[in-house]
N, C-alpha and C. Protein backbone atom coordinates (compact mmCIF):
# COMPACT_ATOMS: atom_id res chain seq x y z
N MET A 1 177.71 102.10 208.55
CA MET A 1 177.70 100.69 208.79
C MET A 1 176.50 100.01 208.11
N ARG A 2 175.43 100.72 208.11
CA ARG A 2 174.26 100.13 207.47
C ARG A 2 174.42 100.06 205.96
N SER A 3 175.02 101.03 205.36
CA SER A 3 175.17 101.03 203.91
C SER A 3 176.10 99.91 203.45
N SER A 4 177.06 99.55 204.24
CA SER A 4 177.97 98.46 203.86
C SER A 4 177.23 97.12 203.87
N GLY A 5 176.24 96.98 204.75
CA GLY A 5 175.43 95.75 204.78
C GLY A 5 174.58 95.61 203.52
N TYR A 6 174.05 96.74 203.05
CA TYR A 6 173.24 96.71 201.83
C TYR A 6 174.11 96.41 200.61
N ILE A 7 175.27 97.00 200.57
CA ILE A 7 176.18 96.78 199.44
C ILE A 7 176.61 95.33 199.39
N PHE A 8 176.88 94.75 200.56
CA PHE A 8 177.26 93.33 200.63
C PHE A 8 176.13 92.45 200.11
N PHE A 9 174.90 92.76 200.49
CA PHE A 9 173.73 91.97 200.07
C PHE A 9 173.53 92.07 198.56
N VAL A 10 173.67 93.26 197.99
CA VAL A 10 173.50 93.44 196.54
C VAL A 10 174.60 92.70 195.79
N ALA A 11 175.82 92.74 196.29
CA ALA A 11 176.95 92.04 195.64
C ALA A 11 176.72 90.53 195.70
N LEU A 12 176.19 90.04 196.80
CA LEU A 12 175.92 88.61 196.95
C LEU A 12 174.85 88.16 195.96
N CYS A 13 173.81 88.95 195.78
CA CYS A 13 172.74 88.62 194.82
C CYS A 13 173.26 88.62 193.39
N ALA A 14 174.13 89.55 193.06
CA ALA A 14 174.70 89.63 191.71
C ALA A 14 175.55 88.39 191.42
N CYS A 15 176.34 87.95 192.40
CA CYS A 15 177.17 86.76 192.21
C CYS A 15 176.30 85.52 192.05
N ALA A 16 175.21 85.43 192.82
CA ALA A 16 174.33 84.26 192.75
C ALA A 16 173.66 84.18 191.39
N SER A 17 173.24 85.31 190.85
CA SER A 17 172.59 85.29 189.54
C SER A 17 173.59 84.94 188.44
N ALA A 18 174.84 85.38 188.57
CA ALA A 18 175.86 85.05 187.58
C ALA A 18 176.17 83.56 187.61
N LEU A 19 176.26 82.97 188.80
CA LEU A 19 176.51 81.54 188.91
C LEU A 19 175.33 80.74 188.38
N ASN A 20 174.13 81.21 188.59
CA ASN A 20 172.94 80.53 188.10
C ASN A 20 172.92 80.53 186.57
N ALA A 21 173.29 81.64 185.95
CA ALA A 21 173.32 81.73 184.49
C ALA A 21 174.37 80.78 183.92
N GLN A 22 175.53 80.67 184.58
CA GLN A 22 176.58 79.76 184.11
C GLN A 22 176.10 78.31 184.21
N ALA A 23 175.41 77.96 185.30
CA ALA A 23 174.94 76.59 185.49
C ALA A 23 173.90 76.23 184.43
N GLN A 24 173.02 77.15 184.10
CA GLN A 24 172.02 76.88 183.08
C GLN A 24 172.67 76.72 181.71
N GLU A 25 173.69 77.51 181.43
CA GLU A 25 174.38 77.43 180.14
C GLU A 25 175.08 76.09 180.00
N LYS A 26 175.73 75.62 181.06
CA LYS A 26 176.40 74.32 181.02
C LYS A 26 175.39 73.19 180.85
N ALA A 27 174.23 73.29 181.50
CA ALA A 27 173.22 72.24 181.40
C ALA A 27 172.65 72.17 179.99
N SER A 28 172.43 73.32 179.35
CA SER A 28 171.89 73.32 177.99
C SER A 28 172.92 72.78 177.01
N GLN A 29 174.22 73.06 177.22
CA GLN A 29 175.26 72.51 176.34
C GLN A 29 175.36 71.00 176.50
N ALA A 30 175.24 70.51 177.72
CA ALA A 30 175.31 69.07 177.96
C ALA A 30 174.11 68.36 177.34
N ALA A 31 172.92 68.96 177.41
CA ALA A 31 171.73 68.35 176.83
C ALA A 31 171.83 68.32 175.32
N ALA A 32 172.39 69.37 174.72
CA ALA A 32 172.55 69.40 173.27
C ALA A 32 173.54 68.35 172.82
N ALA A 33 174.59 68.12 173.59
CA ALA A 33 175.60 67.14 173.23
C ALA A 33 175.05 65.72 173.32
N THR A 34 174.26 65.43 174.35
CA THR A 34 173.73 64.08 174.51
C THR A 34 172.61 63.79 173.51
N SER A 35 171.83 64.81 173.14
CA SER A 35 170.75 64.57 172.20
C SER A 35 171.29 64.34 170.80
N ALA A 36 172.44 64.93 170.47
CA ALA A 36 173.02 64.73 169.15
C ALA A 36 173.69 63.37 169.04
N VAL A 37 174.14 62.81 170.14
CA VAL A 37 174.89 61.56 170.13
C VAL A 37 173.96 60.36 170.18
N THR A 38 172.96 60.37 171.03
CA THR A 38 172.13 59.19 171.21
C THR A 38 170.97 59.18 170.21
N PRO A 39 170.84 58.11 169.43
CA PRO A 39 169.73 58.03 168.49
C PRO A 39 168.44 57.63 169.24
N PRO A 40 167.31 57.87 168.64
CA PRO A 40 166.07 57.46 169.31
C PRO A 40 165.96 55.94 169.35
N PRO A 41 165.24 55.41 170.31
CA PRO A 41 165.13 53.95 170.42
C PRO A 41 164.37 53.37 169.22
N LYS A 42 164.76 52.17 168.83
CA LYS A 42 164.10 51.51 167.71
C LYS A 42 162.80 50.86 168.18
N THR A 43 161.79 50.96 167.35
CA THR A 43 160.49 50.36 167.69
C THR A 43 160.36 49.04 166.96
N GLU A 44 159.66 48.12 167.60
CA GLU A 44 159.45 46.81 167.01
C GLU A 44 157.98 46.70 166.61
N PRO A 45 157.69 46.12 165.47
CA PRO A 45 156.28 45.98 165.08
C PRO A 45 155.58 44.95 165.95
N ILE A 46 154.35 45.22 166.25
CA ILE A 46 153.54 44.31 167.06
C ILE A 46 152.81 43.36 166.11
N GLU A 47 152.85 42.09 166.45
CA GLU A 47 152.21 41.09 165.59
C GLU A 47 150.69 41.22 165.73
N ASP A 48 150.01 41.04 164.60
CA ASP A 48 148.55 41.08 164.61
C ASP A 48 148.03 39.84 165.31
N THR A 49 147.09 40.04 166.21
CA THR A 49 146.48 38.94 166.92
C THR A 49 145.03 38.81 166.49
N LEU A 50 144.43 37.74 166.88
CA LEU A 50 143.03 37.54 166.55
C LEU A 50 142.16 38.53 167.30
N ALA A 51 140.96 38.73 166.81
CA ALA A 51 140.01 39.63 167.47
C ALA A 51 139.64 39.05 168.84
N PRO A 52 139.31 39.88 169.80
CA PRO A 52 138.95 39.34 171.11
C PRO A 52 137.71 38.45 171.03
N SER A 53 137.70 37.43 171.87
CA SER A 53 136.60 36.47 171.83
C SER A 53 135.38 36.94 172.62
N ILE A 54 135.48 38.08 173.25
CA ILE A 54 134.37 38.61 174.04
C ILE A 54 133.54 39.53 173.17
N THR A 55 132.25 39.29 173.15
CA THR A 55 131.33 40.20 172.44
C THR A 55 130.34 40.75 173.44
N ILE A 56 130.09 42.02 173.35
CA ILE A 56 129.16 42.67 174.24
C ILE A 56 127.83 42.84 173.51
N PRO A 57 126.78 42.19 173.98
CA PRO A 57 125.51 42.30 173.27
C PRO A 57 124.87 43.67 173.51
N THR A 58 124.32 44.21 172.48
CA THR A 58 123.61 45.48 172.62
C THR A 58 122.14 45.19 172.93
N PRO A 59 121.58 45.92 173.88
CA PRO A 59 120.18 45.65 174.22
C PRO A 59 119.27 46.06 173.06
N LYS A 60 118.24 45.27 172.88
CA LYS A 60 117.27 45.57 171.82
C LYS A 60 116.30 46.61 172.34
N THR A 61 116.30 47.73 171.71
CA THR A 61 115.39 48.80 172.12
C THR A 61 114.36 48.99 171.02
N GLU A 62 113.14 48.69 171.35
CA GLU A 62 112.06 48.89 170.41
C GLU A 62 111.46 50.26 170.68
N ARG A 63 111.27 51.00 169.63
CA ARG A 63 110.75 52.35 169.77
C ARG A 63 109.35 52.39 169.16
N LYS A 64 108.39 52.83 169.94
CA LYS A 64 107.00 52.93 169.48
C LYS A 64 106.54 54.36 169.70
N ILE A 65 106.11 55.01 168.63
CA ILE A 65 105.65 56.39 168.71
C ILE A 65 104.19 56.44 168.27
N THR A 66 103.35 56.99 169.14
CA THR A 66 101.92 57.12 168.85
C THR A 66 101.54 58.59 168.90
N GLN A 67 100.85 59.07 167.86
CA GLN A 67 100.42 60.46 167.81
C GLN A 67 98.90 60.54 167.85
N LYS A 68 98.39 61.47 168.63
CA LYS A 68 96.96 61.75 168.67
C LYS A 68 96.73 63.11 168.03
N THR A 69 95.78 63.17 167.11
CA THR A 69 95.50 64.44 166.44
C THR A 69 94.03 64.79 166.60
N GLU A 70 93.75 66.07 166.66
CA GLU A 70 92.39 66.61 166.68
C GLU A 70 92.33 67.76 165.70
N GLN A 71 91.46 67.67 164.72
CA GLN A 71 91.27 68.68 163.70
C GLN A 71 92.57 69.01 162.97
N GLY A 72 93.36 67.99 162.70
CA GLY A 72 94.58 68.18 161.94
C GLY A 72 95.77 68.65 162.74
N LYS A 73 95.61 68.91 164.03
CA LYS A 73 96.73 69.34 164.88
C LYS A 73 97.13 68.20 165.80
N VAL A 74 98.41 68.04 166.00
CA VAL A 74 98.92 67.02 166.91
C VAL A 74 98.68 67.50 168.34
N THR A 75 97.93 66.69 169.11
CA THR A 75 97.63 67.08 170.49
C THR A 75 98.50 66.34 171.49
N GLU A 76 99.00 65.17 171.12
CA GLU A 76 99.78 64.38 172.08
C GLU A 76 100.63 63.38 171.31
N VAL A 77 101.86 63.19 171.76
CA VAL A 77 102.75 62.19 171.20
C VAL A 77 103.24 61.32 172.35
N THR A 78 103.02 60.00 172.24
CA THR A 78 103.46 59.06 173.26
C THR A 78 104.62 58.26 172.69
N VAL A 79 105.74 58.26 173.39
CA VAL A 79 106.94 57.56 172.94
C VAL A 79 107.29 56.49 173.96
N THR A 80 107.41 55.25 173.49
CA THR A 80 107.81 54.13 174.34
C THR A 80 109.13 53.61 173.81
N THR A 81 110.17 53.69 174.63
CA THR A 81 111.50 53.23 174.26
C THR A 81 112.01 52.32 175.36
N GLY A 82 112.25 51.06 175.02
CA GLY A 82 112.74 50.14 176.03
C GLY A 82 111.71 49.99 177.15
N GLY A 83 112.08 50.36 178.38
CA GLY A 83 111.18 50.25 179.51
C GLY A 83 110.58 51.57 179.94
N SER A 84 110.87 52.66 179.22
CA SER A 84 110.36 53.95 179.65
C SER A 84 109.35 54.48 178.65
N THR A 85 108.38 55.23 179.18
CA THR A 85 107.35 55.84 178.37
C THR A 85 107.23 57.29 178.76
N TYR A 86 107.19 58.17 177.78
CA TYR A 86 106.97 59.58 178.07
C TYR A 86 106.00 60.17 177.06
N ILE A 87 105.33 61.24 177.48
CA ILE A 87 104.29 61.87 176.69
C ILE A 87 104.69 63.32 176.44
N LEU A 88 104.59 63.74 175.19
CA LEU A 88 104.89 65.12 174.81
C LEU A 88 103.60 65.78 174.37
N LYS A 89 103.34 66.98 174.88
CA LYS A 89 102.16 67.74 174.50
C LYS A 89 102.61 69.12 174.02
N PRO A 90 101.91 69.68 173.03
CA PRO A 90 102.31 71.01 172.56
C PRO A 90 101.92 72.08 173.57
N ASN A 91 102.52 73.24 173.40
CA ASN A 91 102.24 74.36 174.27
C ASN A 91 100.96 75.04 173.82
N ALA A 92 99.95 75.05 174.66
CA ALA A 92 98.70 75.72 174.33
C ALA A 92 98.76 77.14 174.88
N THR A 93 98.45 78.11 174.04
CA THR A 93 98.48 79.49 174.51
C THR A 93 97.22 79.79 175.30
N VAL A 94 97.35 80.64 176.28
CA VAL A 94 96.24 80.98 177.17
C VAL A 94 95.59 82.26 176.68
N GLY A 95 94.27 82.25 176.51
CA GLY A 95 93.55 83.46 176.13
C GLY A 95 93.98 83.99 174.79
N ASN A 96 94.32 85.24 174.72
CA ASN A 96 94.75 85.84 173.46
C ASN A 96 96.26 86.03 173.41
N ALA A 97 97.00 85.21 174.13
CA ALA A 97 98.46 85.33 174.16
C ALA A 97 99.04 84.84 172.84
N ILE A 98 100.05 85.54 172.39
CA ILE A 98 100.76 85.19 171.16
C ILE A 98 102.06 84.50 171.57
N PRO A 99 102.50 83.48 170.82
CA PRO A 99 103.77 82.85 171.16
C PRO A 99 104.90 83.87 171.19
N GLY A 100 105.66 83.91 172.27
CA GLY A 100 106.71 84.90 172.47
C GLY A 100 106.26 86.06 173.32
N ASP A 101 104.97 86.11 173.64
CA ASP A 101 104.42 87.18 174.48
C ASP A 101 104.75 86.88 175.94
N VAL A 102 104.56 87.85 176.81
CA VAL A 102 104.84 87.68 178.23
C VAL A 102 103.88 86.66 178.84
N GLN A 103 102.63 86.64 178.38
CA GLN A 103 101.63 85.75 178.96
C GLN A 103 101.79 84.30 178.50
N SER A 104 102.43 84.08 177.37
CA SER A 104 102.58 82.71 176.87
C SER A 104 103.82 82.08 177.50
N THR A 105 103.83 80.77 177.52
CA THR A 105 105.00 80.05 178.03
C THR A 105 105.83 79.57 176.85
N VAL A 106 107.10 79.40 177.07
CA VAL A 106 108.01 79.07 175.99
C VAL A 106 108.13 77.56 175.82
N ASN A 107 108.38 76.85 176.89
CA ASN A 107 108.64 75.42 176.80
C ASN A 107 107.65 74.63 177.64
N ARG A 108 107.44 73.39 177.25
CA ARG A 108 106.64 72.47 178.05
C ARG A 108 107.41 71.16 178.10
N GLY A 109 107.68 70.69 179.28
CA GLY A 109 108.49 69.50 179.44
C GLY A 109 107.73 68.22 179.17
N ALA A 110 108.48 67.14 179.01
CA ALA A 110 107.88 65.83 178.78
C ALA A 110 107.31 65.28 180.08
N GLN A 111 106.24 64.50 179.96
CA GLN A 111 105.63 63.84 181.12
C GLN A 111 106.04 62.37 181.08
N TRP A 112 106.73 61.93 182.12
CA TRP A 112 107.19 60.55 182.18
C TRP A 112 106.16 59.70 182.89
N LYS A 113 105.88 58.54 182.35
CA LYS A 113 104.96 57.60 183.01
C LYS A 113 105.79 56.76 183.96
N ILE A 114 105.51 56.93 185.27
CA ILE A 114 106.32 56.25 186.28
C ILE A 114 105.64 54.97 186.75
N LEU A 115 104.43 55.08 187.26
CA LEU A 115 103.68 53.91 187.72
C LEU A 115 102.32 53.89 187.04
N GLU A 116 101.80 52.70 186.84
CA GLU A 116 100.50 52.56 186.22
C GLU A 116 99.72 51.52 187.01
N PHE A 117 98.51 51.88 187.41
CA PHE A 117 97.67 50.99 188.19
C PHE A 117 96.56 50.45 187.30
N ASN A 118 96.22 49.18 187.45
CA ASN A 118 95.07 48.64 186.74
C ASN A 118 93.99 48.36 187.78
N LEU A 119 93.15 49.35 188.03
CA LEU A 119 92.15 49.24 189.10
C LEU A 119 90.94 48.41 188.69
N GLY A 120 90.54 48.46 187.43
CA GLY A 120 89.32 47.78 187.03
C GLY A 120 89.55 46.41 186.42
N GLU A 121 90.76 46.02 186.19
CA GLU A 121 91.04 44.76 185.52
C GLU A 121 91.50 43.71 186.51
N LYS A 122 91.08 42.48 186.26
CA LYS A 122 91.52 41.37 187.11
C LYS A 122 92.77 40.76 186.48
N THR A 123 93.72 40.46 187.33
CA THR A 123 94.94 39.84 186.84
C THR A 123 94.80 38.32 186.95
N PRO A 124 95.33 37.58 186.00
CA PRO A 124 95.25 36.12 186.09
C PRO A 124 96.18 35.62 187.19
N HIS A 125 95.67 34.70 188.01
CA HIS A 125 96.47 34.15 189.11
C HIS A 125 97.30 33.00 188.58
N ASN A 126 98.40 32.79 189.23
CA ASN A 126 99.27 31.69 188.86
C ASN A 126 98.64 30.40 189.34
N LYS A 127 98.50 29.41 188.47
CA LYS A 127 97.83 28.15 188.83
C LYS A 127 98.69 27.28 189.73
N ASP A 128 99.99 27.52 189.77
CA ASP A 128 100.88 26.69 190.58
C ASP A 128 100.84 27.06 192.06
N ASP A 129 100.22 28.18 192.43
CA ASP A 129 100.22 28.61 193.83
C ASP A 129 99.47 27.62 194.72
N ASN A 130 98.28 27.22 194.33
CA ASN A 130 97.45 26.34 195.16
C ASN A 130 97.10 25.06 194.41
N ALA A 131 98.02 24.56 193.66
CA ALA A 131 97.76 23.36 192.87
C ALA A 131 97.55 22.17 193.80
N GLY A 132 96.43 21.47 193.61
CA GLY A 132 96.15 20.26 194.38
C GLY A 132 95.54 20.52 195.73
N SER A 133 95.41 21.75 196.20
CA SER A 133 94.84 21.98 197.52
C SER A 133 93.33 22.08 197.46
N GLY A 134 92.77 22.34 196.29
CA GLY A 134 91.32 22.44 196.15
C GLY A 134 90.76 23.72 196.74
N VAL A 135 91.59 24.66 197.06
CA VAL A 135 91.15 25.91 197.67
C VAL A 135 91.29 27.01 196.62
N LYS A 136 90.32 27.90 196.57
CA LYS A 136 90.39 29.02 195.63
C LYS A 136 91.49 29.99 196.08
N PRO A 137 92.10 30.69 195.13
CA PRO A 137 93.17 31.62 195.50
C PRO A 137 92.69 32.72 196.44
N SER A 138 91.46 33.17 196.30
CA SER A 138 90.98 34.24 197.17
C SER A 138 90.77 33.75 198.60
N GLU A 139 90.41 32.46 198.77
CA GLU A 139 90.19 31.92 200.11
C GLU A 139 91.51 31.64 200.83
N SER A 140 92.54 31.25 200.10
CA SER A 140 93.80 30.91 200.74
C SER A 140 94.53 32.15 201.24
N ALA A 141 94.20 33.30 200.69
CA ALA A 141 94.87 34.53 201.09
C ALA A 141 94.33 35.07 202.41
N LEU A 142 93.14 34.63 202.82
CA LEU A 142 92.54 35.14 204.06
C LEU A 142 93.06 34.37 205.26
N PRO A 143 93.31 35.03 206.38
CA PRO A 143 93.73 34.31 207.59
C PRO A 143 92.53 33.58 208.21
N PRO A 144 92.77 32.57 209.04
CA PRO A 144 91.65 31.87 209.66
C PRO A 144 90.90 32.78 210.63
N PRO A 145 89.61 32.54 210.84
CA PRO A 145 88.85 33.41 211.75
C PRO A 145 89.34 33.24 213.20
N VAL A 146 89.23 34.34 213.94
CA VAL A 146 89.66 34.34 215.33
C VAL A 146 88.41 34.19 216.20
N LEU A 147 88.46 33.24 217.14
CA LEU A 147 87.35 33.01 218.04
C LEU A 147 87.61 33.75 219.34
N ILE A 148 86.68 34.62 219.74
CA ILE A 148 86.82 35.37 220.98
C ILE A 148 85.79 34.82 221.97
N ALA A 149 86.27 34.46 223.12
CA ALA A 149 85.36 33.94 224.15
C ALA A 149 84.55 35.08 224.73
N ASP A 150 83.23 34.88 224.82
CA ASP A 150 82.32 35.90 225.36
C ASP A 150 82.31 35.78 226.88
N PRO A 151 82.70 36.81 227.62
CA PRO A 151 82.77 36.70 229.07
C PRO A 151 81.37 36.60 229.72
N THR A 152 80.31 36.97 229.04
CA THR A 152 78.97 36.91 229.64
C THR A 152 78.39 35.51 229.58
N VAL A 153 78.86 34.67 228.70
CA VAL A 153 78.33 33.31 228.57
C VAL A 153 79.18 32.40 229.45
N LYS A 154 78.42 31.56 230.28
CA LYS A 154 79.11 30.61 231.15
C LYS A 154 78.87 29.22 230.75
């Protein structure tokens, strides 16, 4: 009884694969017939139009490169491009290390200038801040003095 179930299953699979092959053959014949009959669609030329009226301005980037040398060797290169500044320095070998040796370093990265403080220089104040008040800019920035009553004085 069990063997008849297996035989039935194998026969069913064989019939399904035969029907699948016939369906694929019919589909390929139908596709070949329709592709031979229908021509490709005709294309129409597109008329030339004027150039777009929008122009995108390119930012002006000024590049300034400054090199510092000591005894004929470049010790520092400062590059200013647009709003960023970075400094490149050569790799100095330590002691008796040879380039490519274990003790020497291979690369040295660029140093970016992020913030710059002007500690010793005075900045010019805007004259419109206290115009007509007759008060110096340094005096107007200070708060008024606070009077504290002395509890011992009556």
